[in-house]
Amino acid sequence: MKKTLYGLLLGVMTVFGVATVLPVAAQTDWENPDNSGMGIGGHTDQQGSTLLDSIKTAINWVLGMLATIALVICIRGGFQMVTAAGNDSKFKKGGQILKQAAVGLAIILLAWLIVSVVFWFVNTVGGAAPTGA
């Protein structure tokens, strides 16, 4: 059981590793590697590539990974319920796993909502400053 779980976790991490490298490789300027267009202070070739946007993107990426893991756990709990074959203890254990994964998904959704509201507020307050006369 542990080997299967570790194999599944390794597979998920590999998929996410490839999924995060490919967009970065697609945005890289291979002909001029010194001018990647990515900056921290907001002076970039691409719009919306500030430090706050980078932080929000990183947080959303982590929350997406956690949501995917919780979804895999939901699938595991449902699979355990379906394959219980009349065994009440396995069925109840699968139901508990499903409930716990659902609570985890709700917490992840709430965390995403809080992060989005906080960053929206920071961008609104930061963007409302006068630019000068």
N, C-alpha and C. Protein backbone atom coordinates (compact mmCIF):
# COMPACT_ATOMS: atom_id res chain seq x y z
N MET A 1 0.82 -1.20 0.00
CA MET A 1 0.00 0.00 0.00
C MET A 1 0.86 1.25 0.00
N LYS A 2 1.93 1.24 0.81
CA LYS A 2 2.80 2.40 0.88
C LYS A 2 3.51 2.62 -0.46
N LYS A 3 3.92 1.53 -1.11
CA LYS A 3 4.60 1.66 -2.40
C LYS A 3 3.66 2.27 -3.43
N THR A 4 2.41 1.87 -3.41
CA THR A 4 1.44 2.42 -4.35
C THR A 4 1.21 3.90 -4.08
N LEU A 5 1.09 4.26 -2.82
CA LEU A 5 0.89 5.65 -2.46
C LEU A 5 2.11 6.50 -2.84
N TYR A 6 3.31 5.99 -2.57
CA TYR A 6 4.52 6.72 -2.94
C TYR A 6 4.65 6.83 -4.46
N GLY A 7 4.28 5.79 -5.17
CA GLY A 7 4.32 5.83 -6.64
C GLY A 7 3.34 6.85 -7.19
N LEU A 8 2.15 6.89 -6.61
CA LEU A 8 1.15 7.86 -7.03
C LEU A 8 1.62 9.28 -6.74
N LEU A 9 2.18 9.50 -5.57
CA LEU A 9 2.70 10.82 -5.20
C LEU A 9 3.84 11.23 -6.13
N LEU A 10 4.73 10.32 -6.45
CA LEU A 10 5.82 10.61 -7.36
C LEU A 10 5.29 10.95 -8.75
N GLY A 11 4.28 10.23 -9.20
CA GLY A 11 3.68 10.51 -10.50
C GLY A 11 3.04 11.89 -10.54
N VAL A 12 2.32 12.25 -9.49
CA VAL A 12 1.68 13.57 -9.43
C VAL A 12 2.73 14.67 -9.41
N MET A 13 3.78 14.49 -8.64
CA MET A 13 4.84 15.50 -8.57
C MET A 13 5.56 15.62 -9.92
N THR A 14 5.74 14.52 -10.63
CA THR A 14 6.38 14.57 -11.95
C THR A 14 5.51 15.34 -12.93
N VAL A 15 4.21 15.07 -12.92
CA VAL A 15 3.31 15.79 -13.82
C VAL A 15 3.33 17.28 -13.51
N PHE A 16 3.30 17.65 -12.23
CA PHE A 16 3.34 19.06 -11.89
C PHE A 16 4.69 19.69 -12.22
N GLY A 17 5.76 18.93 -12.07
CA GLY A 17 7.07 19.45 -12.43
C GLY A 17 7.15 19.77 -13.90
N VAL A 18 6.67 18.87 -14.74
CA VAL A 18 6.68 19.10 -16.18
C VAL A 18 5.72 20.23 -16.54
N ALA A 19 4.56 20.27 -15.88
CA ALA A 19 3.57 21.30 -16.18
C ALA A 19 4.05 22.69 -15.79
N THR A 20 4.96 22.80 -14.84
CA THR A 20 5.46 24.12 -14.46
C THR A 20 6.67 24.54 -15.28
N VAL A 21 7.41 23.59 -15.82
CA VAL A 21 8.59 23.92 -16.60
C VAL A 21 8.22 24.32 -18.03
N LEU A 22 7.24 23.66 -18.61
CA LEU A 22 6.91 23.93 -20.01
C LEU A 22 6.44 25.36 -20.27
N PRO A 23 5.55 25.95 -19.45
CA PRO A 23 5.19 27.35 -19.72
C PRO A 23 6.36 28.31 -19.58
N VAL A 24 7.26 28.04 -18.65
CA VAL A 24 8.43 28.89 -18.49
C VAL A 24 9.34 28.78 -19.70
N ALA A 25 9.52 27.57 -20.19
CA ALA A 25 10.35 27.37 -21.38
C ALA A 25 9.71 28.01 -22.60
N ALA A 26 8.39 28.03 -22.67
CA ALA A 26 7.71 28.64 -23.80
C ALA A 26 7.84 30.15 -23.78
N GLN A 27 8.01 30.76 -22.62
CA GLN A 27 8.11 32.21 -22.52
C GLN A 27 9.54 32.71 -22.59
N THR A 28 10.49 31.82 -22.59
CA THR A 28 11.89 32.22 -22.59
C THR A 28 12.29 32.70 -23.97
N ASP A 29 13.03 33.80 -24.00
CA ASP A 29 13.57 34.33 -25.25
C ASP A 29 14.89 33.62 -25.52
N TRP A 30 14.85 32.56 -26.33
CA TRP A 30 16.03 31.73 -26.54
C TRP A 30 17.09 32.44 -27.37
N GLU A 31 16.70 33.40 -28.20
CA GLU A 31 17.67 34.11 -29.03
C GLU A 31 18.42 35.16 -28.24
N ASN A 32 17.80 35.72 -27.21
CA ASN A 32 18.43 36.75 -26.39
C ASN A 32 18.21 36.38 -24.93
N PRO A 33 19.00 35.48 -24.36
CA PRO A 33 18.73 34.99 -23.01
C PRO A 33 18.91 36.04 -21.92
N ASP A 34 19.61 37.13 -22.19
CA ASP A 34 19.79 38.17 -21.16
C ASP A 34 18.54 39.01 -20.99
N ASN A 35 17.66 39.03 -21.97
CA ASN A 35 16.44 39.83 -21.91
C ASN A 35 15.24 38.90 -21.82
N SER A 36 15.00 38.38 -20.63
CA SER A 36 13.90 37.44 -20.46
C SER A 36 12.56 38.13 -20.26
N GLY A 37 12.58 39.44 -19.99
CA GLY A 37 11.32 40.15 -19.81
C GLY A 37 10.71 39.98 -18.45
N MET A 38 11.38 39.30 -17.53
CA MET A 38 10.82 39.08 -16.21
C MET A 38 11.58 39.96 -15.21
N GLY A 39 10.84 40.74 -14.45
CA GLY A 39 11.48 41.60 -13.47
C GLY A 39 10.72 41.58 -12.17
N ILE A 40 11.27 42.23 -11.15
CA ILE A 40 10.63 42.23 -9.84
C ILE A 40 9.96 43.56 -9.58
N GLY A 41 10.54 44.65 -10.00
CA GLY A 41 10.03 45.96 -9.64
C GLY A 41 8.94 46.49 -10.51
N GLY A 42 8.43 45.75 -11.44
CA GLY A 42 7.35 46.23 -12.29
C GLY A 42 7.85 46.79 -13.61
N HIS A 43 9.15 46.98 -13.81
CA HIS A 43 9.71 47.47 -15.06
C HIS A 43 10.08 46.26 -15.92
N THR A 44 9.11 45.79 -16.68
CA THR A 44 9.31 44.58 -17.46
C THR A 44 8.78 44.78 -18.86
N ASP A 45 9.05 43.81 -19.70
CA ASP A 45 8.50 43.81 -21.04
C ASP A 45 7.07 43.29 -21.05
N GLN A 46 6.69 42.57 -20.04
CA GLN A 46 5.35 41.99 -19.96
C GLN A 46 4.53 42.75 -18.94
N GLN A 47 3.25 42.91 -19.23
CA GLN A 47 2.37 43.59 -18.31
C GLN A 47 2.04 42.69 -17.12
N GLY A 48 1.93 43.28 -15.93
CA GLY A 48 1.47 42.54 -14.76
C GLY A 48 2.49 41.57 -14.19
N SER A 49 3.76 41.84 -14.38
CA SER A 49 4.77 40.91 -13.87
C SER A 49 5.50 41.55 -12.69
N THR A 50 4.75 42.06 -11.73
CA THR A 50 5.34 42.70 -10.57
C THR A 50 5.59 41.67 -9.48
N LEU A 51 6.22 42.12 -8.42
CA LEU A 51 6.51 41.23 -7.30
C LEU A 51 5.23 40.68 -6.68
N LEU A 52 4.21 41.53 -6.52
CA LEU A 52 2.94 41.07 -5.95
C LEU A 52 2.28 40.02 -6.83
N ASP A 53 2.34 40.23 -8.14
CA ASP A 53 1.76 39.24 -9.05
C ASP A 53 2.51 37.92 -8.97
N SER A 54 3.81 37.99 -8.82
CA SER A 54 4.61 36.76 -8.70
C SER A 54 4.27 36.02 -7.42
N ILE A 55 4.10 36.76 -6.33
CA ILE A 55 3.74 36.13 -5.05
C ILE A 55 2.36 35.49 -5.14
N LYS A 56 1.40 36.23 -5.74
CA LYS A 56 0.05 35.69 -5.88
C LYS A 56 0.05 34.44 -6.76
N THR A 57 0.83 34.47 -7.83
CA THR A 57 0.92 33.30 -8.70
C THR A 57 1.50 32.10 -7.96
N ALA A 58 2.53 32.33 -7.14
CA ALA A 58 3.14 31.24 -6.37
C ALA A 58 2.14 30.67 -5.36
N ILE A 59 1.41 31.53 -4.68
CA ILE A 59 0.42 31.07 -3.70
C ILE A 59 -0.68 30.28 -4.40
N ASN A 60 -1.17 30.80 -5.54
CA ASN A 60 -2.21 30.09 -6.27
C ASN A 60 -1.71 28.75 -6.79
N TRP A 61 -0.44 28.68 -7.18
CA TRP A 61 0.13 27.42 -7.65
C TRP A 61 0.15 26.40 -6.52
N VAL A 62 0.58 26.82 -5.33
CA VAL A 62 0.62 25.91 -4.18
C VAL A 62 -0.80 25.46 -3.81
N LEU A 63 -1.75 26.39 -3.82
CA LEU A 63 -3.12 26.02 -3.50
C LEU A 63 -3.69 25.06 -4.56
N GLY A 64 -3.31 25.25 -5.81
CA GLY A 64 -3.73 24.33 -6.85
C GLY A 64 -3.16 22.93 -6.65
N MET A 65 -1.89 22.86 -6.24
CA MET A 65 -1.29 21.56 -5.94
C MET A 65 -2.02 20.89 -4.79
N LEU A 66 -2.31 21.65 -3.73
CA LEU A 66 -3.02 21.08 -2.59
C LEU A 66 -4.41 20.61 -2.98
N ALA A 67 -5.09 21.38 -3.83
CA ALA A 67 -6.43 20.98 -4.28
C ALA A 67 -6.35 19.70 -5.11
N THR A 68 -5.32 19.56 -5.91
CA THR A 68 -5.17 18.34 -6.70
C THR A 68 -4.91 17.14 -5.81
N ILE A 69 -4.09 17.32 -4.79
CA ILE A 69 -3.83 16.23 -3.84
C ILE A 69 -5.12 15.86 -3.11
N ALA A 70 -5.91 16.86 -2.71
CA ALA A 70 -7.18 16.58 -2.03
C ALA A 70 -8.14 15.86 -2.97
N LEU A 71 -8.11 16.20 -4.25
CA LEU A 71 -8.96 15.52 -5.21
C LEU A 71 -8.54 14.06 -5.38
N VAL A 72 -7.24 13.81 -5.40
CA VAL A 72 -6.75 12.43 -5.48
C VAL A 72 -7.19 11.64 -4.24
N ILE A 73 -7.14 12.28 -3.08
CA ILE A 73 -7.60 11.62 -1.86
C ILE A 73 -9.10 11.34 -1.93
N CYS A 74 -9.88 12.27 -2.52
CA CYS A 74 -11.32 12.02 -2.72
C CYS A 74 -11.53 10.80 -3.60
N ILE A 75 -10.76 10.70 -4.66
CA ILE A 75 -10.89 9.55 -5.56
C ILE A 75 -10.53 8.27 -4.82
N ARG A 76 -9.49 8.32 -3.99
CA ARG A 76 -9.10 7.14 -3.22
C ARG A 76 -10.21 6.71 -2.27
N GLY A 77 -10.82 7.68 -1.59
CA GLY A 77 -11.91 7.36 -0.68
C GLY A 77 -13.11 6.78 -1.41
N GLY A 78 -13.44 7.35 -2.55
CA GLY A 78 -14.55 6.81 -3.34
C GLY A 78 -14.25 5.42 -3.87
N PHE A 79 -13.00 5.20 -4.29
CA PHE A 79 -12.60 3.87 -4.76
C PHE A 79 -12.71 2.85 -3.64
N GLN A 80 -12.32 3.27 -2.43
CA GLN A 80 -12.41 2.36 -1.29
C GLN A 80 -13.87 2.03 -0.98
N MET A 81 -14.75 3.01 -1.12
CA MET A 81 -16.17 2.75 -0.88
C MET A 81 -16.76 1.81 -1.93
N VAL A 82 -16.36 2.01 -3.18
CA VAL A 82 -16.91 1.20 -4.27
C VAL A 82 -16.42 -0.24 -4.17
N THR A 83 -15.18 -0.42 -3.76
CA THR A 83 -14.60 -1.76 -3.70
C THR A 83 -14.73 -2.40 -2.33
N ALA A 84 -15.60 -1.87 -1.47
CA ALA A 84 -15.76 -2.43 -0.13
C ALA A 84 -16.37 -3.82 -0.16
N ALA A 85 -17.16 -4.14 -1.17
CA ALA A 85 -17.77 -5.46 -1.35
C ALA A 85 -18.54 -5.92 -0.11
N GLY A 86 -19.33 -5.01 0.45
CA GLY A 86 -20.16 -5.39 1.59
C GLY A 86 -19.48 -5.27 2.94
N ASN A 87 -18.21 -4.93 2.98
CA ASN A 87 -17.49 -4.77 4.23
C ASN A 87 -17.80 -3.38 4.79
N ASP A 88 -18.57 -3.35 5.88
CA ASP A 88 -19.01 -2.07 6.44
C ASP A 88 -17.86 -1.20 6.93
N SER A 89 -16.84 -1.80 7.50
CA SER A 89 -15.74 -0.99 8.04
C SER A 89 -14.97 -0.29 6.91
N LYS A 90 -14.77 -0.99 5.78
CA LYS A 90 -14.09 -0.36 4.64
C LYS A 90 -14.96 0.76 4.06
N PHE A 91 -16.26 0.51 3.98
CA PHE A 91 -17.17 1.51 3.43
C PHE A 91 -17.18 2.77 4.30
N LYS A 92 -17.25 2.58 5.62
CA LYS A 92 -17.24 3.73 6.53
C LYS A 92 -15.91 4.47 6.48
N LYS A 93 -14.81 3.73 6.39
CA LYS A 93 -13.49 4.36 6.30
C LYS A 93 -13.39 5.19 5.02
N GLY A 94 -13.91 4.67 3.91
CA GLY A 94 -13.93 5.42 2.66
C GLY A 94 -14.77 6.68 2.77
N GLY A 95 -15.91 6.58 3.48
CA GLY A 95 -16.75 7.74 3.70
C GLY A 95 -16.06 8.80 4.54
N GLN A 96 -15.30 8.35 5.56
CA GLN A 96 -14.54 9.30 6.38
C GLN A 96 -13.48 9.99 5.54
N ILE A 97 -12.80 9.23 4.68
CA ILE A 97 -11.78 9.82 3.82
C ILE A 97 -12.41 10.87 2.90
N LEU A 98 -13.57 10.55 2.34
CA LEU A 98 -14.27 11.50 1.48
C LEU A 98 -14.65 12.78 2.23
N LYS A 99 -15.17 12.62 3.44
CA LYS A 99 -15.55 13.79 4.24
C LYS A 99 -14.34 14.65 4.57
N GLN A 100 -13.24 14.02 4.97
CA GLN A 100 -12.05 14.78 5.31
C GLN A 100 -11.46 15.49 4.10
N ALA A 101 -11.48 14.83 2.95
CA ALA A 101 -10.99 15.46 1.73
C ALA A 101 -11.89 16.62 1.32
N ALA A 102 -13.19 16.48 1.51
CA ALA A 102 -14.12 17.57 1.18
C ALA A 102 -13.88 18.77 2.09
N VAL A 103 -13.62 18.52 3.36
CA VAL A 103 -13.30 19.62 4.28
C VAL A 103 -11.99 20.29 3.85
N GLY A 104 -11.02 19.48 3.45
CA GLY A 104 -9.75 20.03 2.96
C GLY A 104 -9.95 20.88 1.73
N LEU A 105 -10.77 20.42 0.79
CA LEU A 105 -11.05 21.23 -0.40
C LEU A 105 -11.75 22.53 -0.04
N ALA A 106 -12.67 22.49 0.92
CA ALA A 106 -13.36 23.71 1.35
C ALA A 106 -12.37 24.70 1.98
N ILE A 107 -11.44 24.19 2.77
CA ILE A 107 -10.44 25.06 3.39
C ILE A 107 -9.53 25.67 2.31
N ILE A 108 -9.15 24.86 1.33
CA ILE A 108 -8.31 25.37 0.24
C ILE A 108 -9.06 26.44 -0.55
N LEU A 109 -10.34 26.22 -0.82
CA LEU A 109 -11.14 27.22 -1.53
C LEU A 109 -11.24 28.51 -0.72
N LEU A 110 -11.45 28.38 0.58
CA LEU A 110 -11.51 29.56 1.45
C LEU A 110 -10.16 30.30 1.47
N ALA A 111 -9.07 29.55 1.50
CA ALA A 111 -7.73 30.18 1.47
C ALA A 111 -7.52 30.92 0.16
N TRP A 112 -7.95 30.31 -0.95
CA TRP A 112 -7.81 30.98 -2.24
C TRP A 112 -8.64 32.26 -2.28
N LEU A 113 -9.84 32.21 -1.72
CA LEU A 113 -10.71 33.39 -1.69
C LEU A 113 -10.08 34.50 -0.86
N ILE A 114 -9.53 34.15 0.29
CA ILE A 114 -8.90 35.15 1.16
C ILE A 114 -7.69 35.77 0.46
N VAL A 115 -6.86 34.95 -0.18
CA VAL A 115 -5.69 35.47 -0.89
C VAL A 115 -6.12 36.40 -2.01
N SER A 116 -7.14 36.01 -2.77
CA SER A 116 -7.61 36.84 -3.87
C SER A 116 -8.14 38.19 -3.37
N VAL A 117 -8.91 38.16 -2.28
CA VAL A 117 -9.47 39.41 -1.74
C VAL A 117 -8.35 40.30 -1.20
N VAL A 118 -7.38 39.72 -0.50
CA VAL A 118 -6.27 40.52 0.05
C VAL A 118 -5.47 41.15 -1.08
N PHE A 119 -5.14 40.39 -2.11
CA PHE A 119 -4.36 40.96 -3.22
C PHE A 119 -5.18 41.95 -4.02
N TRP A 120 -6.49 41.73 -4.16
CA TRP A 120 -7.33 42.71 -4.83
C TRP A 120 -7.32 44.01 -4.04
N PHE A 121 -7.43 43.91 -2.71
CA PHE A 121 -7.43 45.10 -1.86
C PHE A 121 -6.09 45.83 -1.95
N VAL A 122 -4.99 45.09 -1.91
CA VAL A 122 -3.67 45.71 -1.99
C VAL A 122 -3.49 46.40 -3.33
N ASN A 123 -3.92 45.77 -4.43
CA ASN A 123 -3.79 46.39 -5.74
C ASN A 123 -4.70 47.60 -5.88
N THR A 124 -5.89 47.55 -5.27
CA THR A 124 -6.81 48.68 -5.35
C THR A 124 -6.27 49.87 -4.55
N VAL A 125 -5.82 49.62 -3.34
CA VAL A 125 -5.29 50.70 -2.52
C VAL A 125 -3.99 51.23 -3.11
N GLY A 126 -3.14 50.35 -3.59
CA GLY A 126 -1.88 50.77 -4.19
C GLY A 126 -2.08 51.50 -5.49
N GLY A 127 -3.09 51.15 -6.26
CA GLY A 127 -3.35 51.80 -7.54
C GLY A 127 -4.12 53.10 -7.40
N ALA A 128 -4.71 53.37 -6.22
CA ALA A 128 -5.51 54.57 -6.03
C ALA A 128 -4.67 55.78 -5.62
N ALA A 129 -3.38 55.61 -5.45
CA ALA A 129 -2.52 56.73 -5.04
C ALA A 129 -2.41 57.72 -6.19
N PRO A 130 -2.40 59.03 -5.87
CA PRO A 130 -2.30 60.04 -6.94
C PRO A 130 -0.94 59.95 -7.66
N THR A 131 -0.97 60.20 -8.95
CA THR A 131 0.25 60.11 -9.74
C THR A 131 1.01 61.41 -9.81
N GLY A 132 0.48 62.46 -9.30
CA GLY A 132 1.18 63.76 -9.30
C GLY A 132 0.51 64.72 -10.25
N ALA A 133 0.86 66.03 -10.11
CA ALA A 133 0.20 67.05 -10.92
C ALA A 133 1.05 67.50 -12.02
